[in-house]
């Protein structure tokens, strides 16, 4: 389907461009949200007649988005979720959840503004892009953890899905039982015995 873009659409074009898109994308997203018109002769004339108003409205929206961007860009938000010891979430963090988190912190956005290809399914710190306007995109950080204290540890750079985090920092020491020592020499290996001069070759 050929359409006329009423605003900039990433990977499609700028306002006023006539582009071809899949019918479903046009019918389900671009046309109902007022982002485009079918590229008929009547609509082309309609667009040209309204171009000045559309550009003025776009400029106003961009300025509003830039004001929000100054406060939102680079911010970090903690999201508490239940998860297995390996870090796998019991569920996921979706665009709907991100909208709710931002709303609780005073930022009003819609799900369509959250640029995510798939839900987040593990704990950790993840960057997500938010399209406040087609020309104003910011990046926020989501600190997804099982508790506030775990979120603080992650913020300091710890990985909570590692073996040490799950089983404790002494995991490597506990993997070396005392029976590994040779009872007669007390050395842990032939190499140590050699260095002490107590092998047959010495």
C-alpha atoms as a PDB file:
ATOM      1  CA  UNK A   1       0.000   0.000   0.000  1.00  0.00           C
ATOM      2  CA  UNK A   2       1.278   3.499  -0.803  1.00  0.00           C
ATOM      3  CA  UNK A   3       0.943   6.023   2.003  1.00  0.00           C
ATOM      4  CA  UNK A   4       1.863   9.638   2.779  1.00  0.00           C
ATOM      5  CA  UNK A   5       3.765  10.009   6.058  1.00  0.00           C
ATOM      6  CA  UNK A   6       2.342  12.660   8.382  1.00  0.00           C
ATOM      7  CA  UNK A   7       5.416  12.512  10.633  1.00  0.00           C
ATOM      8  CA  UNK A   8       8.898  11.047  10.589  1.00  0.00           C
ATOM      9  CA  UNK A   9       8.829   7.248  10.927  1.00  0.00           C
ATOM     10  CA  UNK A  10      12.166   5.518  11.619  1.00  0.00           C
ATOM     11  CA  UNK A  11      13.354   3.358   8.707  1.00  0.00           C
ATOM     12  CA  UNK A  12      10.468   4.618   6.552  1.00  0.00           C
ATOM     13  CA  UNK A  13      10.910   8.316   5.844  1.00  0.00           C
ATOM     14  CA  UNK A  14      10.196  11.933   6.711  1.00  0.00           C
ATOM     15  CA  UNK A  15       6.937  13.865   6.886  1.00  0.00           C
ATOM     16  CA  UNK A  16       5.438  14.188   3.409  1.00  0.00           C
ATOM     17  CA  UNK A  17       7.269  11.200   1.925  1.00  0.00           C
ATOM     18  CA  UNK A  18       5.200   8.771  -0.145  1.00  0.00           C
ATOM     19  CA  UNK A  19       6.303   5.228   0.684  1.00  0.00           C
ATOM     20  CA  UNK A  20       5.146   1.647   0.183  1.00  0.00           C
ATOM     21  CA  UNK A  21       4.401  -0.483   3.253  1.00  0.00           C
ATOM     22  CA  UNK A  22       2.702  -3.778   3.982  1.00  0.00           C
ATOM     23  CA  UNK A  23      -1.090  -3.513   4.123  1.00  0.00           C
ATOM     24  CA  UNK A  24      -1.267  -4.837   7.683  1.00  0.00           C
ATOM     25  CA  UNK A  25       1.277  -2.324   8.985  1.00  0.00           C
ATOM     26  CA  UNK A  26      -0.684   0.518   7.398  1.00  0.00           C
ATOM     27  CA  UNK A  27      -4.147  -0.655   8.499  1.00  0.00           C
ATOM     28  CA  UNK A  28      -3.208  -1.743  12.025  1.00  0.00           C
ATOM     29  CA  UNK A  29      -0.708   0.946  12.992  1.00  0.00           C
ATOM     30  CA  UNK A  30       0.017   3.889  10.699  1.00  0.00           C
ATOM     31  CA  UNK A  31      -3.485   4.836   9.526  1.00  0.00           C
ATOM     32  CA  UNK A  32      -5.446   4.419  12.798  1.00  0.00           C
ATOM     33  CA  UNK A  33      -2.801   6.340  14.779  1.00  0.00           C
ATOM     34  CA  UNK A  34      -2.867   9.251  12.379  1.00  0.00           C
ATOM     35  CA  UNK A  35       0.733   8.779  11.292  1.00  0.00           C
ATOM     36  CA  UNK A  36      -0.095   8.424   7.606  1.00  0.00           C
ATOM     37  CA  UNK A  37      -2.731   8.772   4.887  1.00  0.00           C
ATOM     38  CA  UNK A  38      -3.421   6.567   1.901  1.00  0.00           C
ATOM     39  CA  UNK A  39      -1.546   8.039  -1.061  1.00  0.00           C
ATOM     40  CA  UNK A  40      -4.566   8.969  -3.160  1.00  0.00           C
ATOM     41  CA  UNK A  41      -4.611  12.139  -5.257  1.00  0.00           C
ATOM     42  CA  UNK A  42      -7.226  13.647  -2.930  1.00  0.00           C
ATOM     43  CA  UNK A  43      -5.090  12.908   0.147  1.00  0.00           C
ATOM     44  CA  UNK A  44      -1.970  14.308  -1.513  1.00  0.00           C
ATOM     45  CA  UNK A  45      -3.795  17.599  -2.077  1.00  0.00           C
ATOM     46  CA  UNK A  46      -5.165  17.463   1.474  1.00  0.00           C
ATOM     47  CA  UNK A  47      -1.660  16.955   2.868  1.00  0.00           C
ATOM     48  CA  UNK A  48      -0.195  19.853   0.900  1.00  0.00           C
ATOM     49  CA  UNK A  49      -3.007  22.109   2.124  1.00  0.00           C
ATOM     50  CA  UNK A  50      -2.303  21.113   5.731  1.00  0.00           C
ATOM     51  CA  UNK A  51       1.502  20.830   5.535  1.00  0.00           C
ATOM     52  CA  UNK A  52       2.159  24.118   7.366  1.00  0.00           C
ATOM     53  CA  UNK A  53      -0.167  23.182  10.254  1.00  0.00           C
ATOM     54  CA  UNK A  54       1.298  19.668  10.426  1.00  0.00           C
ATOM     55  CA  UNK A  55       4.855  20.974  10.542  1.00  0.00           C
ATOM     56  CA  UNK A  56       3.922  23.485  13.243  1.00  0.00           C
ATOM     57  CA  UNK A  57       2.240  20.756  15.308  1.00  0.00           C
ATOM     58  CA  UNK A  58       5.254  18.483  14.847  1.00  0.00           C
ATOM     59  CA  UNK A  59       7.609  21.254  16.014  1.00  0.00           C
ATOM     60  CA  UNK A  60       5.504  21.875  19.119  1.00  0.00           C
ATOM     61  CA  UNK A  61       5.416  18.178  19.998  1.00  0.00           C
ATOM     62  CA  UNK A  62       9.158  17.883  19.485  1.00  0.00           C
ATOM     63  CA  UNK A  63       9.825  20.782  21.865  1.00  0.00           C
ATOM     64  CA  UNK A  64       7.593  19.148  24.485  1.00  0.00           C
ATOM     65  CA  UNK A  65       9.434  15.845  23.997  1.00  0.00           C
ATOM     66  CA  UNK A  66      12.820  17.538  24.317  1.00  0.00           C
ATOM     67  CA  UNK A  67      11.764  19.049  27.642  1.00  0.00           C
ATOM     68  CA  UNK A  68      10.839  15.578  28.946  1.00  0.00           C
ATOM     69  CA  UNK A  69      14.009  14.091  27.454  1.00  0.00           C
ATOM     70  CA  UNK A  70      16.195  16.406  29.556  1.00  0.00           C
ATOM     71  CA  UNK A  71      14.706  14.860  32.713  1.00  0.00           C
ATOM     72  CA  UNK A  72      14.333  11.248  31.524  1.00  0.00           C
ATOM     73  CA  UNK A  73      17.422  10.479  29.430  1.00  0.00           C
ATOM     74  CA  UNK A  74      19.939   8.310  31.282  1.00  0.00           C
ATOM     75  CA  UNK A  75      17.725   7.691  34.307  1.00  0.00           C
ATOM     76  CA  UNK A  76      17.796   4.313  36.058  1.00  0.00           C
ATOM     77  CA  UNK A  77      14.690   2.598  37.447  1.00  0.00           C
ATOM     78  CA  UNK A  78      14.517  -0.401  39.781  1.00  0.00           C
ATOM     79  CA  UNK A  79      12.065  -3.172  38.894  1.00  0.00           C
ATOM     80  CA  UNK A  80      11.504  -5.850  41.559  1.00  0.00           C
ATOM     81  CA  UNK A  81      10.536  -9.301  40.237  1.00  0.00           C
ATOM     82  CA  UNK A  82      10.555 -12.886  41.498  1.00  0.00           C
ATOM     83  CA  UNK A  83      13.250 -14.970  39.838  1.00  0.00           C
ATOM     84  CA  UNK A  84      14.994 -18.321  40.066  1.00  0.00           C
ATOM     85  CA  UNK A  85      18.529 -18.652  41.478  1.00  0.00           C
ATOM     86  CA  UNK A  86      19.878 -18.627  37.914  1.00  0.00           C
ATOM     87  CA  UNK A  87      18.347 -15.185  37.324  1.00  0.00           C
ATOM     88  CA  UNK A  88      15.476 -16.365  35.128  1.00  0.00           C
ATOM     89  CA  UNK A  89      12.336 -14.337  35.888  1.00  0.00           C
ATOM     90  CA  UNK A  90       9.061 -15.993  36.832  1.00  0.00           C
ATOM     91  CA  UNK A  91       7.359 -14.089  34.031  1.00  0.00           C
ATOM     92  CA  UNK A  92       8.865 -11.134  32.167  1.00  0.00           C
ATOM     93  CA  UNK A  93       9.141  -7.345  31.998  1.00  0.00           C
ATOM     94  CA  UNK A  94       7.104  -6.047  29.045  1.00  0.00           C
ATOM     95  CA  UNK A  95       6.486  -2.584  27.557  1.00  0.00           C
ATOM     96  CA  UNK A  96       3.317  -2.410  29.681  1.00  0.00           C
ATOM     97  CA  UNK A  97       5.427  -2.846  32.835  1.00  0.00           C
ATOM     98  CA  UNK A  98       7.849  -0.138  31.729  1.00  0.00           C
ATOM     99  CA  UNK A  99       4.955   2.261  31.099  1.00  0.00           C
ATOM    100  CA  UNK A 100       3.772   1.581  34.662  1.00  0.00           C
ATOM    101  CA  UNK A 101       7.240   2.090  36.178  1.00  0.00           C
ATOM    102  CA  UNK A 102       7.666   5.417  34.377  1.00  0.00           C
ATOM    103  CA  UNK A 103       4.140   6.494  35.303  1.00  0.00           C
ATOM    104  CA  UNK A 104       4.914   5.852  38.983  1.00  0.00           C
ATOM    105  CA  UNK A 105       7.926   8.156  38.569  1.00  0.00           C
ATOM    106  CA  UNK A 106       5.959  10.952  36.906  1.00  0.00           C
ATOM    107  CA  UNK A 107       6.617  10.219  33.212  1.00  0.00           C
ATOM    108  CA  UNK A 108       3.624   9.648  30.945  1.00  0.00           C
ATOM    109  CA  UNK A 109       4.309   7.494  27.894  1.00  0.00           C
ATOM    110  CA  UNK A 110       2.468   4.842  25.867  1.00  0.00           C
ATOM    111  CA  UNK A 111       3.449   1.247  25.095  1.00  0.00           C
ATOM    112  CA  UNK A 112       4.108   2.170  21.457  1.00  0.00           C
ATOM    113  CA  UNK A 113       6.867   4.523  22.615  1.00  0.00           C
ATOM    114  CA  UNK A 114       8.811   1.689  24.277  1.00  0.00           C
ATOM    115  CA  UNK A 115      11.252   0.285  21.730  1.00  0.00           C
ATOM    116  CA  UNK A 116      11.574  -3.393  22.680  1.00  0.00           C
ATOM    117  CA  UNK A 117      11.809  -6.357  20.326  1.00  0.00           C
ATOM    118  CA  UNK A 118      11.029  -8.905  23.063  1.00  0.00           C
ATOM    119  CA  UNK A 119      10.207  -8.926  26.802  1.00  0.00           C
ATOM    120  CA  UNK A 120      13.020  -9.010  29.370  1.00  0.00           C
ATOM    121  CA  UNK A 121      13.196 -12.465  31.023  1.00  0.00           C
ATOM    122  CA  UNK A 122      16.262 -12.299  33.297  1.00  0.00           C
ATOM    123  CA  UNK A 123      17.497 -10.151  36.161  1.00  0.00           C
ATOM    124  CA  UNK A 124      20.219  -7.639  35.416  1.00  0.00           C
ATOM    125  CA  UNK A 125      20.620  -4.101  34.108  1.00  0.00           C
ATOM    126  CA  UNK A 126      19.121  -3.504  30.669  1.00  0.00           C
ATOM    127  CA  UNK A 127      19.019  -0.350  28.541  1.00  0.00           C
ATOM    128  CA  UNK A 128      15.736   0.452  26.793  1.00  0.00           C
ATOM    129  CA  UNK A 129      15.029   3.179  24.242  1.00  0.00           C
ATOM    130  CA  UNK A 130      11.952   5.382  24.666  1.00  0.00           C
ATOM    131  CA  UNK A 131      10.708   7.300  21.602  1.00  0.00           C
ATOM    132  CA  UNK A 132       9.237  10.447  23.140  1.00  0.00           C
ATOM    133  CA  UNK A 133       8.850  11.792  19.599  1.00  0.00           C
ATOM    134  CA  UNK A 134       9.914  10.432  16.194  1.00  0.00           C
ATOM    135  CA  UNK A 135      12.927  12.747  16.404  1.00  0.00           C
ATOM    136  CA  UNK A 136      13.547  12.528  20.170  1.00  0.00           C
ATOM    137  CA  UNK A 137      14.657   9.142  21.509  1.00  0.00           C
ATOM    138  CA  UNK A 138      16.122   8.660  24.991  1.00  0.00           C
ATOM    139  CA  UNK A 139      17.696   5.690  26.751  1.00  0.00           C
ATOM    140  CA  UNK A 140      16.750   4.556  30.243  1.00  0.00           C
ATOM    141  CA  UNK A 141      18.268   1.831  32.407  1.00  0.00           C
ATOM    142  CA  UNK A 142      16.176  -0.874  34.072  1.00  0.00           C
ATOM    143  CA  UNK A 143      17.735  -2.515  37.132  1.00  0.00           C
ATOM    144  CA  UNK A 144      15.735  -5.746  37.403  1.00  0.00           C
ATOM    145  CA  UNK A 145      16.347  -7.591  40.667  1.00  0.00           C
ATOM    146  CA  UNK A 146      14.688  -9.784  43.305  1.00  0.00           C
ATOM    147  CA  UNK A 147      14.994  -7.112  46.012  1.00  0.00           C
ATOM    148  CA  UNK A 148      16.157  -3.550  46.631  1.00  0.00           C
ATOM    149  CA  UNK A 149      19.408  -4.825  48.159  1.00  0.00           C
ATOM    150  CA  UNK A 150      20.106  -6.983  45.103  1.00  0.00           C
ATOM    151  CA  UNK A 151      19.399  -3.983  42.882  1.00  0.00           C
ATOM    152  CA  UNK A 152      22.019  -1.994  44.829  1.00  0.00           C
ATOM    153  CA  UNK A 153      24.546  -4.817  44.384  1.00  0.00           C
ATOM    154  CA  UNK A 154      23.851  -4.925  40.642  1.00  0.00           C
ATOM    155  CA  UNK A 155      24.265  -1.165  40.430  1.00  0.00           C
ATOM    156  CA  UNK A 156      27.747  -1.624  41.927  1.00  0.00           C
ATOM    157  CA  UNK A 157      28.586  -4.055  39.142  1.00  0.00           C
ATOM    158  CA  UNK A 158      27.895  -7.433  40.771  1.00  0.00           C
ATOM    159  CA  UNK A 159      26.373 -10.244  38.735  1.00  0.00           C
ATOM    160  CA  UNK A 160      23.638 -11.997  40.678  1.00  0.00           C
ATOM    161  CA  UNK A 161      23.261 -14.934  38.299  1.00  0.00           C
ATOM    162  CA  UNK A 162      26.866 -16.168  38.759  1.00  0.00           C
ATOM    163  CA  UNK A 163      27.804 -19.291  40.714  1.00  0.00           C
ATOM    164  CA  UNK A 164      29.434 -17.175  43.433  1.00  0.00           C
ATOM    165  CA  UNK A 165      26.287 -15.089  43.861  1.00  0.00           C
ATOM    166  CA  UNK A 166      24.074 -18.179  44.048  1.00  0.00           C
ATOM    167  CA  UNK A 167      26.210 -20.459  46.245  1.00  0.00           C
ATOM    168  CA  UNK A 168      28.446 -17.989  48.069  1.00  0.00           C
ATOM    169  CA  UNK A 169      31.951 -16.625  47.560  1.00  0.00           C
ATOM    170  CA  UNK A 170      33.567 -19.731  49.106  1.00  0.00           C
ATOM    171  CA  UNK A 171      32.335 -21.996  46.298  1.00  0.00           C
ATOM    172  CA  UNK A 172      35.854 -22.472  44.879  1.00  0.00           C
ATOM    173  CA  UNK A 173      37.348 -23.255  48.273  1.00  0.00           C
ATOM    174  CA  UNK A 174      34.617 -25.779  49.074  1.00  0.00           C
ATOM    175  CA  UNK A 175      35.400 -27.520  45.783  1.00  0.00           C
ATOM    176  CA  UNK A 176      38.836 -28.533  47.166  1.00  0.00           C
ATOM    177  CA  UNK A 177      38.202 -31.125  49.905  1.00  0.00           C
ATOM    178  CA  UNK A 178      41.016 -32.073  52.241  1.00  0.00           C
ATOM    179  CA  UNK A 179      41.286 -35.599  50.799  1.00  0.00           C
ATOM    180  CA  UNK A 180      42.946 -34.045  47.743  1.00  0.00           C
ATOM    181  CA  UNK A 181      46.085 -33.629  49.877  1.00  0.00           C
ATOM    182  CA  UNK A 182      48.526 -36.535  49.783  1.00  0.00           C
ATOM    183  CA  UNK A 183      48.538 -38.034  53.318  1.00  0.00           C
ATOM    184  CA  UNK A 184      52.294 -38.711  53.434  1.00  0.00           C
ATOM    185  CA  UNK A 185      53.630 -35.405  52.121  1.00  0.00           C
ATOM    186  CA  UNK A 186      50.886 -32.853  52.723  1.00  0.00           C
ATOM    187  CA  UNK A 187      51.426 -31.506  49.195  1.00  0.00           C
ATOM    188  CA  UNK A 188      48.534 -31.033  46.812  1.00  0.00           C
ATOM    189  CA  UNK A 189      50.419 -32.105  43.693  1.00  0.00           C
ATOM    190  CA  UNK A 190      53.604 -33.732  42.428  1.00  0.00           C
ATOM    191  CA  UNK A 191      54.713 -30.316  41.161  1.00  0.00           C
ATOM    192  CA  UNK A 192      54.705 -28.924  44.708  1.00  0.00           C
ATOM    193  CA  UNK A 193      56.608 -31.956  45.927  1.00  0.00           C
ATOM    194  CA  UNK A 194      59.199 -31.493  43.195  1.00  0.00           C
ATOM    195  CA  UNK A 195      59.710 -27.857  44.125  1.00  0.00           C
ATOM    196  CA  UNK A 196      60.365 -28.976  47.700  1.00  0.00           C
ATOM    197  CA  UNK A 197      62.923 -31.582  46.519  1.00  0.00           C
ATOM    198  CA  UNK A 198      60.990 -34.599  47.796  1.00  0.00           C
ATOM    199  CA  UNK A 199      60.460 -36.606  44.568  1.00  0.00           C
ATOM    200  CA  UNK A 200      62.505 -39.485  43.223  1.00  0.00           C
ATOM    201  CA  UNK A 201      64.064 -37.191  40.612  1.00  0.00           C
ATOM    202  CA  UNK A 202      65.423 -34.745  43.180  1.00  0.00           C
END
